[in-house]
Amino acid sequence: MYHYRPYQPRVTYAQPVSVLQNLMGRHIQFYGDVTGRTYIGRLIFVGDTGDPATDYIEVEVYLPPDNRLQVMTFYTHQISEAVPYTGPIPPYQPAPPPSPAPSPSPGAGSGPGNGTGSWSFPWWWMNRNSF
């Protein structure tokens, strides 16, 4: 199925999911139709939804200039044909660890008249079955 993109000089098509599943876990190279960049990365997931317009892939790509690793999601109709990449793998830096979850601020969620300053469920949550 061909999709013409007037803002992009290339013509791409939805690559069959079965072909992409054969490349699972391997390094691939493809052109991102929307971003206009060539990507190199390891294919980590193929989402087969049964509809070529919504099938997607998740790729652990190397982002320049410092070659950070980042997991990105692409629809299969928004990329050129993914081909196995056999070139040198660029030296990379692992992605930074996620920031810790924020702790509740004092008084957050306290009900009317609570005034303790400690976190608790809102008054309406405890009485939600009585409405």
N, C-alpha and C. Protein backbone atom coordinates (compact mmCIF):
# COMPACT_ATOMS: atom_id res chain seq x y z
N MET A 1 0.85 -1.16 0.00
CA MET A 1 0.00 0.00 0.00
C MET A 1 0.90 1.23 0.00
N TYR A 2 0.82 2.03 -1.02
CA TYR A 2 1.67 3.20 -1.14
C TYR A 2 0.98 4.44 -0.59
N HIS A 3 1.75 5.28 0.07
CA HIS A 3 1.23 6.53 0.60
C HIS A 3 2.09 7.65 0.01
N TYR A 4 1.47 8.58 -0.68
CA TYR A 4 2.21 9.72 -1.20
C TYR A 4 2.20 10.82 -0.16
N ARG A 5 3.37 11.34 0.16
CA ARG A 5 3.48 12.42 1.13
C ARG A 5 3.96 13.66 0.39
N PRO A 6 3.10 14.65 0.18
CA PRO A 6 3.50 15.82 -0.60
C PRO A 6 4.60 16.63 0.06
N TYR A 7 4.76 16.54 1.39
CA TYR A 7 5.78 17.31 2.07
C TYR A 7 7.11 16.57 2.11
N GLN A 8 7.17 15.37 1.60
CA GLN A 8 8.38 14.57 1.66
C GLN A 8 8.67 14.02 0.26
N PRO A 9 9.88 14.12 -0.23
CA PRO A 9 10.16 13.70 -1.59
C PRO A 9 10.22 12.18 -1.76
N ARG A 10 10.00 11.42 -0.71
CA ARG A 10 10.09 9.96 -0.83
C ARG A 10 8.71 9.33 -0.81
N VAL A 11 8.62 8.14 -1.35
CA VAL A 11 7.38 7.37 -1.31
C VAL A 11 7.66 6.16 -0.42
N THR A 12 6.84 5.96 0.58
CA THR A 12 7.03 4.82 1.48
C THR A 12 5.80 3.93 1.42
N TYR A 13 5.91 2.77 1.99
CA TYR A 13 4.79 1.85 2.03
C TYR A 13 4.83 1.10 3.35
N ALA A 14 3.71 0.53 3.70
CA ALA A 14 3.63 -0.24 4.94
C ALA A 14 4.31 -1.57 4.71
N GLN A 15 5.44 -1.76 5.36
CA GLN A 15 6.17 -3.01 5.21
C GLN A 15 5.40 -4.12 5.93
N PRO A 16 5.28 -5.29 5.33
CA PRO A 16 4.52 -6.36 5.98
C PRO A 16 5.08 -6.68 7.37
N VAL A 17 4.19 -6.90 8.31
CA VAL A 17 4.59 -7.17 9.68
C VAL A 17 5.40 -8.46 9.76
N SER A 18 5.08 -9.44 8.91
CA SER A 18 5.82 -10.71 8.94
C SER A 18 7.29 -10.50 8.62
N VAL A 19 7.59 -9.58 7.71
CA VAL A 19 8.99 -9.28 7.38
C VAL A 19 9.67 -8.63 8.58
N LEU A 20 8.99 -7.70 9.24
CA LEU A 20 9.57 -7.03 10.40
C LEU A 20 9.77 -8.00 11.57
N GLN A 21 8.86 -8.96 11.74
CA GLN A 21 9.02 -9.92 12.83
C GLN A 21 10.25 -10.79 12.63
N ASN A 22 10.65 -11.02 11.38
CA ASN A 22 11.87 -11.78 11.11
C ASN A 22 13.12 -10.99 11.49
N LEU A 23 13.01 -9.66 11.61
CA LEU A 23 14.15 -8.82 11.98
C LEU A 23 14.20 -8.53 13.47
N MET A 24 13.31 -9.12 14.25
CA MET A 24 13.23 -8.85 15.68
C MET A 24 14.55 -9.14 16.37
N GLY A 25 15.01 -8.19 17.19
CA GLY A 25 16.24 -8.35 17.94
C GLY A 25 17.50 -8.01 17.16
N ARG A 26 17.36 -7.70 15.88
CA ARG A 26 18.53 -7.37 15.05
C ARG A 26 18.62 -5.86 14.86
N HIS A 27 19.80 -5.41 14.50
CA HIS A 27 19.98 -4.00 14.18
C HIS A 27 19.46 -3.75 12.77
N ILE A 28 18.68 -2.67 12.64
CA ILE A 28 18.10 -2.32 11.35
C ILE A 28 18.42 -0.86 11.02
N GLN A 29 18.26 -0.52 9.76
CA GLN A 29 18.42 0.85 9.30
C GLN A 29 17.19 1.19 8.47
N PHE A 30 16.63 2.38 8.71
CA PHE A 30 15.45 2.80 7.97
C PHE A 30 15.38 4.32 7.96
N TYR A 31 14.56 4.83 7.07
CA TYR A 31 14.35 6.27 6.93
C TYR A 31 13.00 6.63 7.53
N GLY A 32 12.99 7.58 8.46
CA GLY A 32 11.74 8.04 9.05
C GLY A 32 11.10 9.06 8.14
N ASP A 33 9.94 8.73 7.61
CA ASP A 33 9.28 9.58 6.62
C ASP A 33 8.86 10.92 7.21
N VAL A 34 8.38 10.93 8.43
CA VAL A 34 7.89 12.15 9.05
C VAL A 34 9.05 13.01 9.53
N THR A 35 10.06 12.39 10.13
CA THR A 35 11.18 13.14 10.70
C THR A 35 12.22 13.51 9.66
N GLY A 36 12.29 12.78 8.56
CA GLY A 36 13.27 13.08 7.52
C GLY A 36 14.69 12.67 7.91
N ARG A 37 14.84 11.68 8.78
CA ARG A 37 16.15 11.22 9.22
C ARG A 37 16.31 9.73 8.98
N THR A 38 17.54 9.31 8.83
CA THR A 38 17.85 7.89 8.76
C THR A 38 18.20 7.41 10.16
N TYR A 39 17.62 6.32 10.57
CA TYR A 39 17.83 5.79 11.91
C TYR A 39 18.56 4.45 11.84
N ILE A 40 19.37 4.20 12.86
CA ILE A 40 20.00 2.91 13.08
C ILE A 40 19.62 2.49 14.48
N GLY A 41 19.15 1.28 14.64
CA GLY A 41 18.76 0.83 15.97
C GLY A 41 18.42 -0.65 15.98
N ARG A 42 18.10 -1.12 17.16
CA ARG A 42 17.74 -2.52 17.37
C ARG A 42 16.23 -2.63 17.50
N LEU A 43 15.64 -3.46 16.66
CA LEU A 43 14.19 -3.67 16.67
C LEU A 43 13.83 -4.49 17.90
N ILE A 44 13.01 -3.93 18.79
CA ILE A 44 12.69 -4.63 20.03
C ILE A 44 11.23 -5.09 20.11
N PHE A 45 10.34 -4.54 19.28
CA PHE A 45 8.95 -4.96 19.34
C PHE A 45 8.25 -4.65 18.03
N VAL A 46 7.40 -5.58 17.59
CA VAL A 46 6.56 -5.36 16.41
C VAL A 46 5.12 -5.50 16.85
N GLY A 47 4.34 -4.43 16.70
CA GLY A 47 2.93 -4.44 17.09
C GLY A 47 2.05 -4.73 15.90
N ASP A 48 1.49 -5.92 15.85
CA ASP A 48 0.61 -6.33 14.75
C ASP A 48 -0.83 -6.13 15.19
N THR A 49 -1.45 -5.05 14.71
CA THR A 49 -2.83 -4.75 15.09
C THR A 49 -3.83 -5.32 14.09
N GLY A 50 -3.34 -5.86 12.99
CA GLY A 50 -4.23 -6.38 11.96
C GLY A 50 -4.60 -5.34 10.92
N ASP A 51 -4.24 -4.09 11.13
CA ASP A 51 -4.52 -3.01 10.20
C ASP A 51 -3.19 -2.37 9.80
N PRO A 52 -2.82 -2.41 8.51
CA PRO A 52 -1.53 -1.83 8.11
C PRO A 52 -1.37 -0.35 8.46
N ALA A 53 -2.47 0.36 8.63
CA ALA A 53 -2.38 1.78 8.97
C ALA A 53 -2.01 2.00 10.42
N THR A 54 -2.20 0.99 11.28
CA THR A 54 -1.91 1.17 12.71
C THR A 54 -0.85 0.21 13.23
N ASP A 55 -0.29 -0.67 12.38
CA ASP A 55 0.82 -1.52 12.82
C ASP A 55 1.99 -0.63 13.17
N TYR A 56 2.76 -1.02 14.19
CA TYR A 56 3.86 -0.18 14.64
C TYR A 56 5.05 -1.02 15.07
N ILE A 57 6.19 -0.35 15.21
CA ILE A 57 7.39 -1.00 15.71
C ILE A 57 7.99 -0.13 16.82
N GLU A 58 8.71 -0.77 17.71
CA GLU A 58 9.49 -0.05 18.72
C GLU A 58 10.95 -0.38 18.47
N VAL A 59 11.76 0.65 18.38
CA VAL A 59 13.17 0.50 18.04
C VAL A 59 14.00 1.25 19.07
N GLU A 60 15.06 0.62 19.51
CA GLU A 60 16.03 1.26 20.40
C GLU A 60 17.05 1.93 19.48
N VAL A 61 16.91 3.24 19.26
CA VAL A 61 17.73 3.95 18.28
C VAL A 61 18.89 4.68 18.94
N TYR A 62 19.92 4.90 18.15
CA TYR A 62 21.09 5.67 18.57
C TYR A 62 20.89 7.10 18.07
N LEU A 63 20.78 8.06 18.99
CA LEU A 63 20.53 9.44 18.60
C LEU A 63 21.82 10.24 18.62
N PRO A 64 22.16 10.89 17.49
CA PRO A 64 23.34 11.76 17.49
C PRO A 64 23.05 13.01 18.30
N PRO A 65 23.99 13.80 18.72
CA PRO A 65 25.42 13.68 18.45
C PRO A 65 26.15 12.80 19.45
N ASP A 66 25.54 12.49 20.60
CA ASP A 66 26.25 11.72 21.61
C ASP A 66 25.82 10.26 21.64
N ASN A 67 25.03 9.83 20.65
CA ASN A 67 24.59 8.44 20.51
C ASN A 67 23.88 7.90 21.75
N ARG A 68 22.99 8.72 22.30
CA ARG A 68 22.17 8.24 23.40
C ARG A 68 21.20 7.19 22.87
N LEU A 69 20.91 6.19 23.69
CA LEU A 69 19.91 5.19 23.33
C LEU A 69 18.54 5.70 23.74
N GLN A 70 17.58 5.56 22.83
CA GLN A 70 16.22 5.95 23.16
C GLN A 70 15.26 5.02 22.44
N VAL A 71 14.24 4.56 23.15
CA VAL A 71 13.22 3.72 22.53
C VAL A 71 12.21 4.64 21.85
N MET A 72 12.00 4.41 20.56
CA MET A 72 11.07 5.22 19.78
C MET A 72 10.06 4.31 19.10
N THR A 73 8.86 4.82 18.92
CA THR A 73 7.78 4.07 18.27
C THR A 73 7.51 4.71 16.91
N PHE A 74 7.39 3.86 15.89
CA PHE A 74 7.09 4.32 14.53
C PHE A 74 5.97 3.46 13.97
N TYR A 75 5.03 4.10 13.24
CA TYR A 75 4.06 3.33 12.48
C TYR A 75 4.77 2.77 11.27
N THR A 76 4.38 1.57 10.85
CA THR A 76 5.09 0.93 9.74
C THR A 76 4.89 1.68 8.42
N HIS A 77 3.83 2.44 8.28
CA HIS A 77 3.64 3.19 7.04
C HIS A 77 4.39 4.52 7.05
N GLN A 78 5.06 4.85 8.17
CA GLN A 78 5.80 6.11 8.24
C GLN A 78 7.30 5.92 8.10
N ILE A 79 7.73 4.72 7.77
CA ILE A 79 9.16 4.47 7.61
C ILE A 79 9.40 3.82 6.26
N SER A 80 10.63 3.95 5.77
CA SER A 80 10.99 3.24 4.56
C SER A 80 11.21 1.78 4.90
N GLU A 81 11.54 0.99 3.92
CA GLU A 81 11.78 -0.42 4.15
C GLU A 81 12.93 -0.61 5.14
N ALA A 82 12.66 -1.29 6.22
CA ALA A 82 13.71 -1.56 7.21
C ALA A 82 14.59 -2.69 6.69
N VAL A 83 15.90 -2.44 6.68
CA VAL A 83 16.85 -3.45 6.20
C VAL A 83 17.83 -3.77 7.33
N PRO A 84 18.36 -5.00 7.35
CA PRO A 84 19.35 -5.33 8.38
C PRO A 84 20.56 -4.40 8.26
N TYR A 85 21.06 -3.94 9.39
CA TYR A 85 22.22 -3.06 9.42
C TYR A 85 23.43 -3.90 9.81
N THR A 86 24.45 -3.91 8.96
CA THR A 86 25.64 -4.72 9.22
C THR A 86 26.87 -3.86 9.47
N GLY A 87 26.70 -2.55 9.49
CA GLY A 87 27.84 -1.66 9.71
C GLY A 87 28.25 -1.65 11.18
N PRO A 88 29.23 -0.80 11.50
CA PRO A 88 29.67 -0.71 12.89
C PRO A 88 28.60 -0.07 13.78
N ILE A 89 28.44 -0.61 14.95
CA ILE A 89 27.50 -0.04 15.92
C ILE A 89 28.20 1.13 16.59
N PRO A 90 27.60 2.30 16.57
CA PRO A 90 28.27 3.46 17.17
C PRO A 90 28.42 3.29 18.68
N PRO A 91 29.49 3.83 19.25
CA PRO A 91 29.58 3.78 20.71
C PRO A 91 28.42 4.59 21.29
N TYR A 92 27.80 4.09 22.30
CA TYR A 92 26.60 4.74 22.81
C TYR A 92 26.68 4.94 24.30
N GLN A 93 25.84 5.83 24.76
CA GLN A 93 25.67 6.08 26.18
C GLN A 93 24.28 5.57 26.56
N PRO A 94 24.19 4.84 27.66
CA PRO A 94 22.86 4.38 28.05
C PRO A 94 21.96 5.56 28.38
N ALA A 95 20.68 5.34 28.24
CA ALA A 95 19.72 6.41 28.54
C ALA A 95 19.80 6.77 30.02
N PRO A 96 19.59 8.03 30.34
CA PRO A 96 19.63 8.41 31.76
C PRO A 96 18.51 7.71 32.52
N PRO A 97 18.74 7.39 33.79
CA PRO A 97 17.68 6.71 34.55
C PRO A 97 16.49 7.65 34.73
N PRO A 98 15.31 7.07 34.84
CA PRO A 98 14.14 7.93 35.03
C PRO A 98 14.22 8.64 36.38
N SER A 99 13.65 9.82 36.42
CA SER A 99 13.67 10.58 37.67
C SER A 99 12.74 9.90 38.67
N PRO A 100 13.05 9.99 39.95
CA PRO A 100 12.19 9.34 40.94
C PRO A 100 10.81 10.00 40.97
N ALA A 101 9.84 9.22 41.36
CA ALA A 101 8.47 9.75 41.43
C ALA A 101 8.40 10.83 42.51
N PRO A 102 7.70 11.90 42.23
CA PRO A 102 7.60 12.96 43.24
C PRO A 102 6.82 12.48 44.47
N SER A 103 7.28 12.90 45.61
CA SER A 103 6.56 12.53 46.82
C SER A 103 5.42 13.53 47.02
N PRO A 104 4.33 13.09 47.62
CA PRO A 104 3.20 14.01 47.79
C PRO A 104 3.60 15.19 48.66
N SER A 105 3.16 16.36 48.25
CA SER A 105 3.48 17.54 49.04
C SER A 105 2.58 17.60 50.27
N PRO A 106 3.04 18.24 51.33
CA PRO A 106 2.21 18.32 52.53
C PRO A 106 0.87 18.97 52.24
N GLY A 107 -0.17 18.35 52.69
CA GLY A 107 -1.50 18.89 52.51
C GLY A 107 -2.16 18.48 51.21
N ALA A 108 -1.45 17.79 50.32
CA ALA A 108 -2.04 17.41 49.05
C ALA A 108 -3.11 16.37 49.28
N GLY A 109 -4.29 16.61 48.81
CA GLY A 109 -5.37 15.65 48.92
C GLY A 109 -6.05 15.63 50.27
N SER A 110 -5.67 16.54 51.15
CA SER A 110 -6.33 16.53 52.46
C SER A 110 -7.74 17.09 52.30
N GLY A 111 -8.66 16.50 52.98
CA GLY A 111 -10.05 16.90 52.86
C GLY A 111 -10.33 18.17 53.62
N PRO A 112 -11.55 18.67 53.52
CA PRO A 112 -11.88 19.91 54.21
C PRO A 112 -11.78 19.72 55.73
N GLY A 113 -11.12 20.62 56.38
CA GLY A 113 -11.00 20.57 57.82
C GLY A 113 -9.97 19.59 58.33
N ASN A 114 -9.23 18.90 57.40
CA ASN A 114 -8.23 17.94 57.85
C ASN A 114 -7.12 18.68 58.59
N GLY A 115 -6.47 19.61 57.91
CA GLY A 115 -5.51 20.50 58.52
C GLY A 115 -4.27 19.86 59.10
N THR A 116 -4.08 18.54 58.90
CA THR A 116 -2.92 17.89 59.50
C THR A 116 -1.66 18.14 58.70
N GLY A 117 -1.82 18.45 57.42
CA GLY A 117 -0.66 18.66 56.57
C GLY A 117 -0.06 17.37 56.05
N SER A 118 -0.55 16.22 56.46
CA SER A 118 -0.05 14.95 55.95
C SER A 118 -0.95 14.49 54.81
N TRP A 119 -0.40 13.62 53.96
CA TRP A 119 -1.16 13.18 52.81
C TRP A 119 -2.20 12.17 53.23
N SER A 120 -3.41 12.31 52.68
CA SER A 120 -4.46 11.33 52.92
C SER A 120 -5.38 11.33 51.71
N PHE A 121 -6.26 10.33 51.65
CA PHE A 121 -7.22 10.30 50.56
C PHE A 121 -8.17 11.48 50.69
N PRO A 122 -8.64 12.01 49.57
CA PRO A 122 -9.62 13.09 49.64
C PRO A 122 -10.90 12.60 50.31
N TRP A 123 -11.63 13.50 50.93
CA TRP A 123 -12.83 13.13 51.67
C TRP A 123 -13.85 12.46 50.78
N TRP A 124 -13.93 12.87 49.48
CA TRP A 124 -14.94 12.30 48.60
C TRP A 124 -14.58 10.88 48.19
N TRP A 125 -13.29 10.49 48.25
CA TRP A 125 -12.89 9.14 47.85
C TRP A 125 -13.38 8.13 48.88
N MET A 126 -13.26 8.49 50.16
CA MET A 126 -13.69 7.57 51.20
C MET A 126 -15.21 7.38 51.19
N ASN A 127 -15.95 8.38 50.73
CA ASN A 127 -17.41 8.32 50.72
C ASN A 127 -17.97 8.11 49.32
N ARG A 128 -17.16 7.58 48.40
CA ARG A 128 -17.57 7.51 47.00
C ARG A 128 -18.75 6.57 46.77
N ASN A 129 -18.96 5.57 47.64
CA ASN A 129 -20.06 4.63 47.44
C ASN A 129 -21.38 5.17 47.99
N SER A 130 -21.33 6.28 48.70
CA SER A 130 -22.57 6.80 49.29
C SER A 130 -23.22 7.86 48.41
N PHE A 131 -22.62 8.18 47.26
CA PHE A 131 -23.22 9.21 46.39
C PHE A 131 -24.33 8.63 45.58
